[in-house]
Protein backbone atom coordinates (compact mmCIF):
# COMPACT_ATOMS: atom_id res chain seq x y z
CA MET A 1 23.36 -3.27 -31.11
CA PHE A 2 21.75 -6.23 -32.90
CA ARG A 3 21.57 -7.74 -36.39
CA VAL A 4 18.59 -8.29 -38.74
CA ARG A 5 19.17 -11.17 -41.17
CA ARG A 6 17.49 -11.70 -44.55
CA SER A 7 15.58 -15.00 -45.01
CA PRO A 8 14.65 -16.83 -48.28
CA SER A 9 11.56 -15.41 -49.99
CA LYS A 10 8.34 -17.08 -49.00
CA LEU A 11 4.63 -16.37 -48.88
CA VAL A 12 3.18 -15.87 -45.40
CA ALA A 13 -0.59 -15.96 -44.85
CA ALA A 14 -2.17 -14.60 -41.66
CA ALA A 15 -5.42 -16.01 -40.33
CA GLY A 16 -7.81 -13.93 -38.18
CA VAL A 17 -8.90 -15.34 -34.86
CA ALA A 18 -12.18 -14.28 -33.26
CA ALA A 19 -13.21 -14.95 -29.66
CA MET A 20 -16.86 -15.44 -28.82
CA VAL A 21 -18.34 -14.87 -25.35
CA GLY A 22 -21.72 -16.40 -24.56
CA THR A 23 -24.52 -14.47 -22.92
CA THR A 24 -27.02 -15.60 -20.34
CA GLY A 25 -30.60 -16.40 -21.20
CA LEU A 26 -33.06 -13.53 -20.94
CA VAL A 27 -34.99 -14.63 -17.88
CA ALA A 28 -36.60 -12.03 -15.61
CA PHE A 29 -36.53 -12.38 -11.86
CA ALA A 30 -38.31 -10.39 -9.16
CA PRO A 31 -36.01 -8.49 -6.80
CA ALA A 32 -35.15 -10.43 -3.67
CA ALA A 33 -36.57 -8.09 -1.02
CA ARG A 34 -36.13 -9.26 2.60
CA ALA A 35 -38.97 -8.48 4.93
CA ALA A 36 -36.74 -8.71 7.98
CA PRO A 37 -33.39 -7.02 8.61
CA VAL A 38 -30.17 -9.02 8.78
CA ASP A 39 -28.97 -10.00 12.26
CA TYR A 40 -25.31 -9.11 12.80
CA SER A 41 -23.50 -10.31 15.94
CA SER A 42 -20.19 -8.42 16.06
CA LYS A 43 -16.95 -8.25 17.98
CA CYS A 44 -15.13 -4.93 18.02
CA TYR A 45 -11.53 -3.88 18.68
CA LEU A 46 -10.78 -0.51 20.33
CA ALA A 47 -7.39 0.46 18.93
CA VAL A 48 -6.58 3.22 21.43
CA LEU A 49 -6.69 0.71 24.34
CA GLN A 50 -5.60 -2.25 22.17
CA GLN A 51 -8.42 -4.42 23.51
CA TRP A 52 -11.55 -6.29 22.31
CA LEU A 53 -14.94 -5.08 23.51
CA ASP A 54 -17.85 -7.23 24.62
CA PRO A 55 -19.84 -8.71 21.70
CA ALA A 56 -22.78 -6.62 20.45
CA ASP A 57 -25.85 -7.52 18.37
CA VAL A 58 -26.95 -5.06 15.70
CA GLN A 59 -29.21 -5.23 12.63
CA MET A 60 -29.03 -3.72 9.16
CA ASP A 61 -30.61 -3.88 5.75
CA ILE A 62 -28.66 -3.56 2.50
CA GLN A 63 -30.67 -1.40 0.10
CA VAL A 64 -30.00 -0.71 -3.59
CA THR A 65 -30.98 2.12 -5.94
CA PRO A 66 -32.47 1.72 -8.46
CA GLU A 67 -34.23 -1.48 -7.43
CA LYS A 68 -35.57 -3.40 -10.43
CA PRO A 69 -36.19 -7.02 -11.56
CA THR A 70 -33.06 -7.32 -13.67
CA TYR A 71 -29.86 -5.34 -14.27
CA ALA A 72 -27.38 -5.25 -17.14
CA VAL A 73 -23.64 -5.78 -17.01
CA GLY A 74 -22.14 -2.29 -16.76
CA ASP A 75 -24.96 -0.83 -14.64
CA LYS A 76 -23.93 1.27 -11.67
CA VAL A 77 -25.97 0.65 -8.55
CA SER A 78 -26.02 2.72 -5.35
CA VAL A 79 -25.68 0.54 -2.24
CA THR A 80 -26.87 1.70 1.21
CA TRP A 81 -26.06 0.03 4.54
CA HIS A 82 -29.21 1.00 6.44
CA TRP A 83 -29.09 0.66 10.23
CA VAL A 84 -32.13 -0.96 11.83
CA LYS A 85 -30.63 -1.61 15.27
CA ARG A 86 -27.46 0.15 16.37
CA SER A 87 -25.03 -0.72 19.17
CA LYS A 88 -24.79 1.06 22.48
CA ILE A 89 -21.76 2.78 23.98
CA PRO A 90 -20.39 0.49 26.73
CA ALA A 91 -21.41 1.58 30.22
CA ASP A 92 -17.78 1.44 31.33
CA ALA A 93 -16.48 3.50 28.40
CA ILE A 94 -14.02 6.29 29.12
CA GLN A 95 -16.52 8.89 27.85
CA GLY A 96 -19.54 9.30 25.60
CA VAL A 97 -19.58 10.53 22.01
CA GLY A 98 -20.25 14.19 21.19
CA GLU A 99 -22.64 15.53 18.59
CA ASP A 100 -21.46 15.01 14.96
CA LYS A 101 -18.27 13.29 16.10
CA ALA A 102 -18.77 9.73 14.76
CA LEU A 103 -17.95 8.69 11.19
CA PRO A 104 -18.82 5.13 10.03
CA ARG A 105 -17.09 3.25 7.20
CA GLY A 106 -17.66 -0.32 6.12
CA GLU A 107 -17.97 -2.81 3.30
CA VAL A 108 -20.74 -4.76 1.62
CA LEU A 109 -19.58 -8.18 0.41
CA LEU A 110 -20.44 -9.52 -3.05
CA SER A 111 -20.78 -13.22 -3.77
CA GLY A 112 -22.28 -15.44 -6.40
CA ALA A 113 -21.74 -14.39 -10.04
CA GLN A 114 -19.62 -11.36 -8.94
CA THR A 115 -17.25 -11.45 -5.99
CA GLY A 116 -15.51 -8.65 -4.14
CA SER A 117 -16.70 -5.85 -1.87
CA VAL A 118 -18.23 -2.39 -2.03
CA PRO A 119 -16.69 0.28 0.29
CA VAL A 120 -19.47 2.28 1.98
CA GLU A 121 -19.24 5.40 4.12
CA GLY A 122 -21.64 7.51 6.18
CA GLU A 123 -21.55 11.09 7.42
CA ARG A 124 -20.02 12.44 10.59
CA LYS A 125 -23.49 13.39 11.78
CA ASN A 126 -24.94 12.00 14.99
CA PRO A 127 -26.70 13.16 18.16
CA ALA A 128 -24.60 13.13 21.34
CA ALA A 129 -24.70 9.82 23.22
CA ALA A 130 -23.57 9.00 26.77
CA GLN A 131 -22.35 5.68 28.17
CA GLY A 132 -25.04 3.03 27.86
CA GLU A 133 -26.94 4.94 25.14
CA GLU A 134 -27.36 3.97 21.48
CA LEU A 135 -24.83 5.55 19.13
CA GLN A 136 -26.91 6.64 16.14
CA LEU A 137 -24.45 6.22 13.29
CA THR A 138 -25.61 7.43 9.89
CA ASP A 139 -26.39 5.04 7.05
CA MET A 140 -23.34 4.18 4.90
CA LYS A 141 -23.45 4.49 1.10
CA GLY A 142 -21.35 3.35 -1.83
CA GLU A 143 -21.60 2.40 -5.48
CA VAL A 144 -20.90 -0.79 -7.45
CA THR A 145 -20.49 -1.48 -11.15
CA LEU A 146 -22.00 -4.84 -12.14
CA THR A 147 -19.48 -6.85 -14.15
CA ARG A 148 -20.82 -10.44 -14.29
CA PRO A 149 -24.10 -11.95 -15.44
CA GLY A 150 -26.06 -14.10 -12.95
CA SER A 151 -27.18 -13.77 -9.33
CA VAL A 152 -25.13 -11.38 -7.18
CA ASP A 153 -25.65 -11.59 -3.40
CA LEU A 154 -25.07 -8.58 -1.09
CA THR A 155 -24.05 -9.27 2.54
CA PRO A 156 -22.87 -6.84 5.27
CA GLY A 157 -19.17 -7.17 6.08
CA LYS A 158 -16.82 -5.31 8.45
CA TYR A 159 -17.34 -1.73 9.62
CA THR A 160 -15.27 0.80 11.58
CA THR A 161 -16.32 3.84 13.61
CA TYR A 162 -14.03 6.86 13.73
CA VAL A 163 -14.74 9.17 16.72
CA ASP A 164 -13.31 12.65 17.13
CA ALA A 165 -12.61 12.82 20.85
CA GLY A 166 -10.58 16.04 20.68
CA LEU A 167 -7.20 14.23 20.89
CA GLY A 168 -6.01 15.22 17.42
CA ASP A 169 -6.56 11.81 15.75
CA ASP A 170 -9.81 9.84 15.56
CA ILE A 171 -10.35 6.97 17.98
CA THR A 172 -11.13 3.88 15.89
CA THR A 173 -13.34 0.93 16.78
CA ALA A 174 -13.17 -1.83 14.16
CA CYS A 175 -16.05 -4.33 14.16
CA GLN A 176 -16.40 -7.60 12.32
CA PRO A 177 -19.22 -10.14 12.22
CA VAL A 178 -19.09 -13.32 14.29
CA GLY A 179 -19.71 -15.76 11.46
CA LEU A 180 -21.08 -14.67 8.07
CA PRO A 181 -24.38 -12.74 8.23
CA ALA A 182 -27.30 -13.72 6.01
CA VAL A 183 -27.64 -12.36 2.46
CA SER A 184 -29.58 -9.11 2.52
CA ARG A 185 -30.18 -8.51 -1.24
CA THR A 186 -29.80 -10.48 -4.46
CA LEU A 187 -29.45 -8.79 -7.85
CA GLU A 188 -30.16 -10.60 -11.10
CA VAL A 189 -27.77 -9.43 -13.87
CA GLU A 190 -27.95 -10.06 -17.60
CA GLY A 191 -25.49 -9.47 -20.41
CA GLN A 192 -21.90 -10.21 -21.32
CA GLY A 193 -19.26 -10.26 -18.59
CA THR A 194 -16.31 -7.87 -18.55
CA GLU A 195 -12.68 -8.89 -18.01
CA ALA A 196 -11.51 -9.38 -14.44
CA PRO A 197 -9.05 -6.78 -13.03
CA THR A 198 -5.33 -7.54 -12.85
CA LEU A 199 -2.78 -6.39 -10.29
CA THR A 200 1.02 -6.43 -10.23
CA ALA A 201 3.35 -5.31 -7.42
CA SER A 202 7.01 -4.27 -7.49
CA PRO A 203 9.54 -4.60 -6.04
CA SER A 204 9.04 -8.16 -4.74
CA GLU A 205 11.06 -7.38 -1.59
CA VAL A 206 10.57 -4.35 0.67
CA ASP A 207 11.27 -3.25 4.26
CA ALA A 208 8.38 -2.65 6.60
CA GLY A 209 7.48 1.07 6.14
CA GLY A 210 8.59 0.95 2.48
CA LEU A 211 6.75 1.66 -0.78
CA VAL A 212 5.31 -0.91 -3.18
CA THR A 213 4.28 0.20 -6.68
CA LEU A 214 0.99 -1.27 -7.96
CA ALA A 215 -0.36 -1.42 -11.54
CA GLY A 216 -3.28 -3.14 -13.24
CA ASP A 217 -5.93 -3.15 -15.93
CA ASN A 218 -9.73 -3.43 -16.10
CA TRP A 219 -10.39 -1.41 -12.93
CA SER A 220 -13.46 0.64 -12.04
CA THR A 221 -13.14 3.96 -10.28
CA GLY A 222 -14.21 4.73 -6.76
CA GLY A 223 -13.59 3.25 -3.33
CA LEU A 224 -10.07 1.97 -3.85
CA GLN A 225 -8.92 0.11 -0.74
CA PRO A 226 -5.55 -1.74 -0.53
CA GLU A 227 -4.97 -4.46 2.08
CA LEU A 228 -1.97 -6.57 3.08
CA CYS A 229 -2.78 -10.28 3.09
CA ALA A 230 -1.08 -13.56 3.89
CA ALA A 231 0.84 -15.20 1.03
CA ASP A 232 -2.22 -17.36 0.16
CA GLY A 233 -4.52 -14.30 -0.03
CA THR A 234 -6.22 -14.83 3.35
CA ALA A 235 -6.21 -12.72 6.55
CA CYS A 236 -6.28 -9.42 4.65
CA ASP A 237 -5.84 -6.31 6.85
CA PRO A 238 -6.17 -2.73 5.56
CA ALA A 239 -4.44 -1.41 8.70
CA LYS A 240 -1.19 -2.95 7.51
CA ILE A 241 -1.16 -0.47 4.60
CA SER A 242 -0.47 2.87 6.24
CA ALA A 243 -0.89 5.10 3.12
CA ASN A 244 -1.55 4.89 -0.60
CA THR A 245 -1.60 7.02 -3.74
CA LEU A 246 -3.73 4.72 -5.91
CA THR A 247 -5.76 6.15 -8.78
CA VAL A 248 -7.67 4.74 -11.79
CA ALA A 249 -7.76 6.32 -15.24
CA ASP A 250 -9.21 4.67 -18.37
CA GLY A 251 -9.42 1.36 -16.50
CA LYS A 252 -5.75 1.37 -15.50
CA LEU A 253 -4.77 1.34 -11.82
CA ALA A 254 -1.50 2.96 -10.77
CA GLY A 255 0.17 4.30 -7.62
CA ASN A 256 2.06 3.28 -4.49
CA VAL A 257 1.13 1.73 -1.16
CA THR A 258 3.15 2.10 2.03
CA VAL A 259 3.58 -1.06 4.13
CA SER A 260 2.99 -0.38 7.83
CA PRO A 261 6.27 -0.05 9.74
CA ILE A 262 5.12 -2.66 12.29
CA VAL A 263 4.59 -5.52 9.79
CA THR A 264 6.58 -8.60 10.77
CA ASP A 265 8.94 -10.66 8.58
CA GLY A 266 7.18 -12.85 6.01
CA ASP A 267 5.70 -13.39 2.57
CA TYR A 268 2.58 -11.36 1.79
CA THR A 269 0.27 -10.45 -1.07
CA ILE A 270 -1.56 -7.17 -1.65
CA ARG A 271 -5.26 -7.07 -2.40
CA VAL A 272 -6.98 -4.00 -3.86
CA LYS A 273 -10.75 -3.63 -3.73
CA ALA A 274 -12.75 -1.12 -5.74
CA SER A 275 -16.46 -0.73 -6.56
CA GLY A 276 -17.42 -4.38 -6.69
CA VAL A 277 -14.13 -5.74 -8.07
CA GLU A 278 -10.89 -6.86 -6.49
CA ALA A 279 -7.58 -8.47 -7.42
CA LEU A 280 -4.59 -10.01 -5.65
CA SER A 281 -0.92 -9.34 -6.42
CA GLY A 282 1.95 -11.77 -6.50
CA VAL A 283 3.99 -12.49 -3.37
CA VAL A 284 5.86 -9.56 -1.75
CA ARG A 285 8.57 -10.34 0.80
CA VAL A 286 8.52 -7.93 3.77
CA SER A 287 11.51 -7.53 6.10
CA ALA A 288 10.61 -6.22 9.56
CA VAL A 289 12.29 -3.08 10.81
CA GLY A 290 11.20 -3.34 14.45
CA MET A 291 10.66 -0.76 17.17
CA ARG A 292 13.40 1.82 17.68
CA VAL A 293 13.92 4.72 20.10
CA HIS A 294 16.38 7.58 20.22
CA ILE A 295 16.91 9.82 23.26
CA THR A 296 18.52 13.20 23.73
CA PRO A 297 20.32 13.95 25.95
CA ASP A 298 21.58 10.47 26.89
CA HIS A 299 22.88 11.47 30.36
CA GLY A 300 22.19 13.95 33.14
CA PRO A 301 21.30 14.43 36.83
CA ALA A 302 17.88 14.18 38.47
CA GLY A 303 15.39 16.45 36.77
CA THR A 304 16.89 15.95 33.25
CA VAL A 305 14.22 16.21 30.55
CA VAL A 306 14.90 13.55 27.89
CA THR A 307 13.25 13.83 24.49
CA VAL A 308 12.31 10.33 23.33
CA THR A 309 11.53 9.67 19.67
CA GLY A 310 10.26 6.27 18.54
CA SER A 311 9.38 4.47 15.30
CA GLY A 312 7.94 1.07 14.36
CA TYR A 313 5.16 1.19 16.97
CA ALA A 314 1.48 0.46 16.41
CA PRO A 315 -0.10 3.35 14.45
CA LEU A 316 -2.69 5.54 16.19
CA GLY A 317 -2.18 3.86 19.54
CA TYR A 318 -0.19 4.37 22.70
CA ALA A 319 3.45 3.77 23.67
CA PHE A 320 4.47 3.83 27.33
CA VAL A 321 7.69 5.88 27.67
CA THR A 322 9.74 4.94 30.71
CA GLY A 323 13.12 4.75 32.41
CA TYR A 324 14.51 1.31 33.26
CA ASP A 325 16.80 0.12 36.02
CA ALA A 326 19.50 -2.55 35.58
CA ALA A 327 16.99 -5.35 36.20
CA GLY A 328 14.60 -4.00 33.52
CA ALA A 329 12.00 -2.68 35.95
CA SER A 330 10.06 0.41 34.90
CA LEU A 331 10.81 3.66 36.78
CA ASP A 332 9.65 7.16 35.75
CA THR A 333 6.82 6.58 33.20
CA ASP A 334 4.59 8.58 30.87
CA TYR A 335 2.68 7.73 27.70
CA ALA A 336 2.73 9.00 24.12
CA GLU A 337 0.20 8.79 21.29
CA THR A 338 1.59 7.30 18.08
CA ALA A 339 1.03 8.81 14.66
CA ALA A 340 -0.36 7.02 11.58
CA ASP A 341 3.16 5.99 10.59
CA GLY A 342 3.93 4.43 14.00
CA THR A 343 6.18 7.24 15.23
CA PHE A 344 6.02 9.43 18.37
CA THR A 345 7.94 12.11 20.25
CA LYS A 346 7.66 12.52 24.01
CA ASP A 347 9.57 14.36 26.78
CA LEU A 348 10.29 12.34 29.93
CA THR A 349 11.69 13.78 33.17
CA ILE A 350 14.29 11.50 34.78
CA GLN A 351 14.25 11.50 38.59
CA ASP A 352 15.32 8.01 39.69
CA PRO A 353 19.14 7.61 40.16
CA ASN A 354 18.81 3.90 39.26
CA THR A 355 17.99 4.76 35.61
CA VAL A 356 20.32 3.01 33.15
CA SER A 357 18.20 3.23 29.99
CA VAL A 358 15.14 4.98 28.56
CA GLY A 359 12.71 3.36 26.11
CA ALA A 360 9.09 2.68 25.23
CA TYR A 361 6.91 -0.40 25.38
CA VAL A 362 3.40 -1.40 24.37
CA THR A 363 0.97 -3.50 26.43
CA ASP A 364 3.60 -6.21 27.04
CA MET A 365 6.75 -4.76 28.67
CA THR A 366 8.89 -7.38 26.91
CA ILE A 367 7.98 -5.82 23.55
CA ASN A 368 9.99 -2.65 23.72
CA ALA A 369 13.00 -0.67 22.52
CA LYS A 370 15.62 0.98 24.75
CA SER A 371 18.52 3.41 24.55
CA PRO A 372 21.24 3.70 27.24
CA PHE A 373 21.06 6.59 29.74
CA ARG A 374 23.78 7.59 32.20
CA PHE A 375 22.59 9.14 35.49
CA THR A 376 25.08 11.74 36.73
CA VAL A 377 25.67 13.44 40.07
CA PRO A 378 26.81 17.11 39.93
CA GLY A 379 30.42 17.62 41.13
CA ARG A 380 31.43 13.96 40.69
CA GLU A 381 32.54 13.96 37.07
CA LEU A 382 34.48 15.95 34.55
CA THR A 383 33.80 16.24 30.86
CA GLN A 384 35.98 16.78 27.78
CA THR A 385 34.46 17.73 24.46
CA VAL A 386 35.55 15.45 21.56
CA THR A 387 34.90 16.97 18.15
CA GLY A 388 35.06 15.37 14.72
CA LYS A 389 33.72 16.44 11.39
CA ILE A 390 31.77 14.31 8.90
CA THR A 391 31.44 15.75 5.39
CA GLU A 392 28.35 14.83 3.40
CA GLY A 393 28.98 13.07 0.09
CA GLY A 394 27.27 13.41 -3.27
CA LEU A 395 25.05 11.64 -5.78
CA THR A 396 26.72 9.62 -8.56
CA ILE A 397 25.92 6.88 -11.07
CA GLY A 398 28.20 4.28 -12.65
CA GLN A 399 28.20 1.11 -14.77
CA GLN A 400 30.61 -1.78 -15.42
CA GLN A 401 30.09 -1.82 -19.21
CA SER A 402 28.56 0.47 -21.80
CA GLY A 403 27.43 -1.96 -24.54
CA VAL A 404 24.01 -3.64 -24.74
CA HIS A 405 23.63 -6.58 -27.13
CA LEU A 406 20.12 -7.52 -28.28
CA SER A 407 19.19 -10.92 -29.65
CA GLY A 408 19.44 -11.17 -33.45
CA VAL A 409 16.37 -11.72 -35.62
CA THR A 410 15.87 -13.17 -39.14
CA VAL A 411 13.38 -11.54 -41.48
CA ASP A 412 10.48 -13.95 -42.08
CA GLY A 413 7.54 -11.72 -42.90
CA LYS A 414 6.36 -11.36 -39.27
CA ALA A 415 6.87 -8.62 -36.73
CA GLN A 416 9.46 -9.74 -34.18
CA ALA A 417 11.30 -8.49 -31.11
CA ALA A 418 15.01 -8.25 -30.28
CA THR A 419 15.48 -8.54 -26.52
CA GLY A 420 18.22 -8.07 -23.96
CA ASP A 421 19.15 -6.37 -20.70
CA ILE A 422 20.82 -3.03 -20.00
CA ASN A 423 24.01 -3.05 -17.96
CA THR A 424 23.36 -2.57 -14.25
CA VAL A 425 23.43 1.10 -13.27
CA THR A 426 24.76 1.71 -9.74
CA VAL A 427 23.39 4.77 -7.92
CA LYS A 428 25.51 5.89 -4.99
CA ASP A 429 23.86 8.51 -2.76
CA SER A 430 26.14 9.72 0.03
CA ARG A 431 23.96 12.71 0.88
CA ILE A 432 22.46 12.59 4.33
CA ALA A 433 19.83 15.28 4.02
CA GLY A 434 17.20 12.87 2.69
CA GLU A 435 16.90 14.36 -0.79
CA GLY A 436 15.31 12.08 -3.38
CA TRP A 437 16.51 11.44 -6.94
CA SER A 438 15.26 10.36 -10.35
CA LEU A 439 17.17 8.12 -12.77
CA THR A 440 15.91 8.55 -16.33
CA GLY A 441 16.80 7.29 -19.79
CA SER A 442 16.32 8.44 -23.38
CA VAL A 443 17.16 6.77 -26.68
CA GLY A 444 17.56 7.81 -30.30
CA ASP A 445 16.56 6.05 -33.50
CA PHE A 446 18.31 2.79 -34.48
CA THR A 447 20.19 2.98 -37.80
CA SER A 448 22.34 0.68 -39.91
CA ALA A 449 25.17 1.29 -42.42
CA GLU A 450 22.83 0.00 -45.14
CA GLY A 451 20.42 2.89 -44.52
CA GLY A 452 17.93 1.06 -42.38
CA ARG A 453 16.10 2.89 -39.56
CA ILE A 454 13.96 1.78 -36.63
CA PRO A 455 12.22 4.58 -34.66
CA ALA A 456 13.30 5.09 -31.04
CA ASP A 457 9.78 4.63 -29.69
CA ARG A 458 9.95 0.91 -30.59
CA LEU A 459 12.40 0.28 -27.72
CA THR A 460 10.59 -0.51 -24.46
CA TRP A 461 11.88 -1.53 -21.07
CA THR A 462 10.74 -3.14 -17.84
CA PRO A 463 12.64 -1.45 -14.96
CA ALA A 464 13.80 -3.02 -11.70
CA VAL A 465 15.79 -1.61 -8.79
CA LYS A 466 16.98 -2.85 -5.40
CA LYS A 467 19.40 -2.06 -2.57
CA ALA A 468 22.99 -2.96 -3.46
CA ASP A 469 24.08 -3.48 0.18
CA GLU A 470 22.53 -3.99 3.61
CA ALA A 471 23.73 -0.62 4.89
CA SER A 472 21.55 1.31 2.43
CA VAL A 473 18.67 3.20 4.04
CA GLY A 474 16.45 4.42 1.20
CA VAL A 475 13.81 2.29 -0.54
CA PRO A 476 13.88 2.97 -4.31
CA THR A 477 10.94 2.54 -6.69
CA PRO A 478 11.26 1.21 -10.26
CA GLY A 479 9.80 3.14 -13.18
CA SER A 480 6.82 1.91 -15.14
CA PRO A 481 7.22 -0.54 -18.04
CA GLY A 482 6.82 1.07 -21.51
CA PRO A 483 8.59 2.93 -24.30
CA ILE A 484 11.77 4.81 -23.45
CA GLY A 485 11.63 7.36 -26.28
CA THR A 486 12.84 10.84 -25.44
CA GLY A 487 12.46 10.29 -21.69
CA ALA A 488 11.34 7.55 -19.32
CA THR A 489 12.04 6.77 -15.65
CA LEU A 490 14.25 3.83 -14.72
CA ALA A 491 14.07 4.35 -10.92
CA THR A 492 13.23 7.00 -8.35
CA MET A 493 13.79 7.76 -4.68
CA ALA A 494 11.23 9.84 -2.82
CA ASN A 495 12.35 12.48 -0.35
CA ALA A 496 12.75 11.19 3.19
CA PRO A 497 10.50 12.46 6.00
CA ALA A 498 11.83 15.39 7.99
CA GLY A 499 15.00 14.36 9.77
CA GLY A 500 15.40 11.14 7.77
CA THR A 501 17.84 10.06 5.07
CA THR A 502 17.64 8.03 1.86
CA ALA A 503 21.40 7.48 1.54
CA GLY A 504 22.71 4.17 0.15
CA THR A 505 23.88 2.27 -2.92
CA PHE A 506 21.26 0.93 -5.32
CA ALA A 507 21.31 -1.26 -8.42
CA ALA A 508 18.94 -0.39 -11.32
CA ASP A 509 18.32 -2.81 -14.20
CA ALA A 510 15.86 -3.22 -17.03
CA GLY A 511 14.96 -5.82 -19.60
CA VAL A 512 14.61 -4.16 -23.04
CA SER A 513 12.75 -5.18 -26.17
CA LEU A 514 12.99 -3.60 -29.65
CA ALA A 515 9.95 -4.17 -31.91
CA ILE A 516 11.17 -5.16 -35.44
CA PRO A 517 8.81 -4.53 -38.39
CA ALA A 518 7.94 -7.58 -40.50
CA TYR A 519 10.18 -6.60 -43.48
CA GLN A 520 12.91 -4.51 -41.84
CA LYS A 521 15.98 -3.90 -43.98
CA ALA A 522 18.82 -6.25 -42.97
CA GLY A 523 21.90 -4.91 -41.28
CA THR A 524 23.58 -4.19 -37.95
CA TYR A 525 21.60 -1.52 -36.11
CA THR A 526 22.90 0.77 -33.41
CA GLY A 527 21.21 3.28 -31.13
CA THR A 528 22.36 5.20 -28.04
CA LEU A 529 20.68 4.90 -24.65
CA THR A 530 21.52 7.88 -22.42
CA LEU A 531 21.02 7.56 -18.64
CA SER A 532 21.09 10.55 -16.29
CA ILE A 533 20.26 11.25 -12.65
CA SER A 534 18.91 14.37 -11.05
C-alpha cells in the first residue's frame, strides 16, 4: 500500500538529450601478414598424474577469413589456429595416442582496440602416434565479432588436448605459453564501437559446488566460457567452474555456473568470455566444503569389502583409497578415478587387522579424508540391533508480517517510482529425498477508493535468497529481476543429485518498485501479492 499526493499545478518542460559517438578516420591499411610462424614455448600439465611435463617448443600461425585491408565494426571473422610445428608425445609417456583420439581446444587472445579472447576448437581426427612421435593435432577454428574500431592484435593463448584413452573420461593435458607469444595477425577495423558487455552474479555468497546465476547485456553468441578468477580479476581458471548452462538470446546472457567442489575459501570474481568479448562479475564469496568420505560397512573381519564414496576431490583425476592404522600409515590401498564433479565410488578389501579407519588421499597423504573402521574377529563379539525411526518432514513457507508499505510519491508531472521491500519469506524444507522447489509470486492491479488504477505489470522486483541457518544443505537460486505480473519466480531449489538432499531453511526477499504514471490520480492504492511454493 502507498499514497499518491496531488501537487500544485505547474508547467513541466522536457528536454531531449542526444549522445554522439565519434567514428575513426577512413584510413586503409594493408593486412599484417607474418612471413614466419609464431614461436610458442609451452609448459603443460597432465591432470591424470597431477604433474607438469617437460617444456615443449611448438609453432603456429593465426589465420583469418576473409582476409582484407580493413574491416567494419560488426563483421564476423573466422579465426584459425594453424599448426606449423606440433609437439611430440614424451618418450616416457604411459602410452601413445590412438587414431582419431585427440581433440584440441584453445583460445586466441585479442589486444589493442578490442580485448578478450576467441575460443577455438579442432576435430578429434589424428593419425596414431607412439611415444616420441609428433602428435598431429588438427587446426583449431573459431569466430569473432569485431566490436571496436582501431587495430586489433591476434595472439595464440592457452590450449588443451583431450585424449580418449578408453578409460571412460578424456585425459587432459593443459598447455600455456611461457611468456606472451608474438602477435600473429593485426586487423584494422573501422566504424562506430558497440557497447561493452555487462555481467552480474548472484548470490554473492556460495558454497564450493554450488550454483551462481549470471546475467548480462550486449553479448555475442558462440564460444561462451566461464572462468573463476581472483577477486582482482587475475588468475582466471576455467577448471574451477565444473558446469554451466549459459546461453545468449538477443544480446542477453543468462544461466548458471557451478563452482568446482574443490575451490578453497576466499573472494572470487567470475569472468565470461565469448566471441571476442568478455566481462567480469562483482565479488563472489566462496566457502570451501572440503574432501569427505563415507564408508559402508564401517566394521568387519579380514576380507570385508568396504564401499568408499568420496566428494570434494580434484575432478577427472585420481584418489588413492586406503586403510589407515592408528599412526596414520597407509595399509591396504587401491585407486579410484574421480568424476567431473569431484566424486568417486570404490570398493576396498580390508585385510590388515591394524585398520582403524578408511579414507582417500591425493598426491600428499596429509590432504585426505577418513572415516572410522572397526576391525572385528569372529567369535569375539556379540551384537544387538538398535532400531529407531526418523520420519521425513514436509515443505512449508511462512512470514512474520503480511503488509508491504511502499514509499509515497507526490504528483509533479513526471513518472516516478514507489519502492519498498517484501516481508521475508521463510522456506522450510524438511524433506530428505532431495526434491527441489519453486517459490513464485503473482500480483493484481493496484486500485484506490477514488477510482484510480495502476496495472499489475508496473510492479517489478529484484529477488534475493540465502540459507537461514548453517545446518541447511541446499543452495537456493534467486529469480530474475523484472515484472511480477501474473507469475514470476522469487527463488528456486534444483533437485539434488541421486542420493543427495536439499533440506534446510531459507530466507527469500525482494526489493519492489511500482512505476507511477506522471499524472496518476491521487489516493491510497492497494494491491495483493500472492506467494506460493510447489
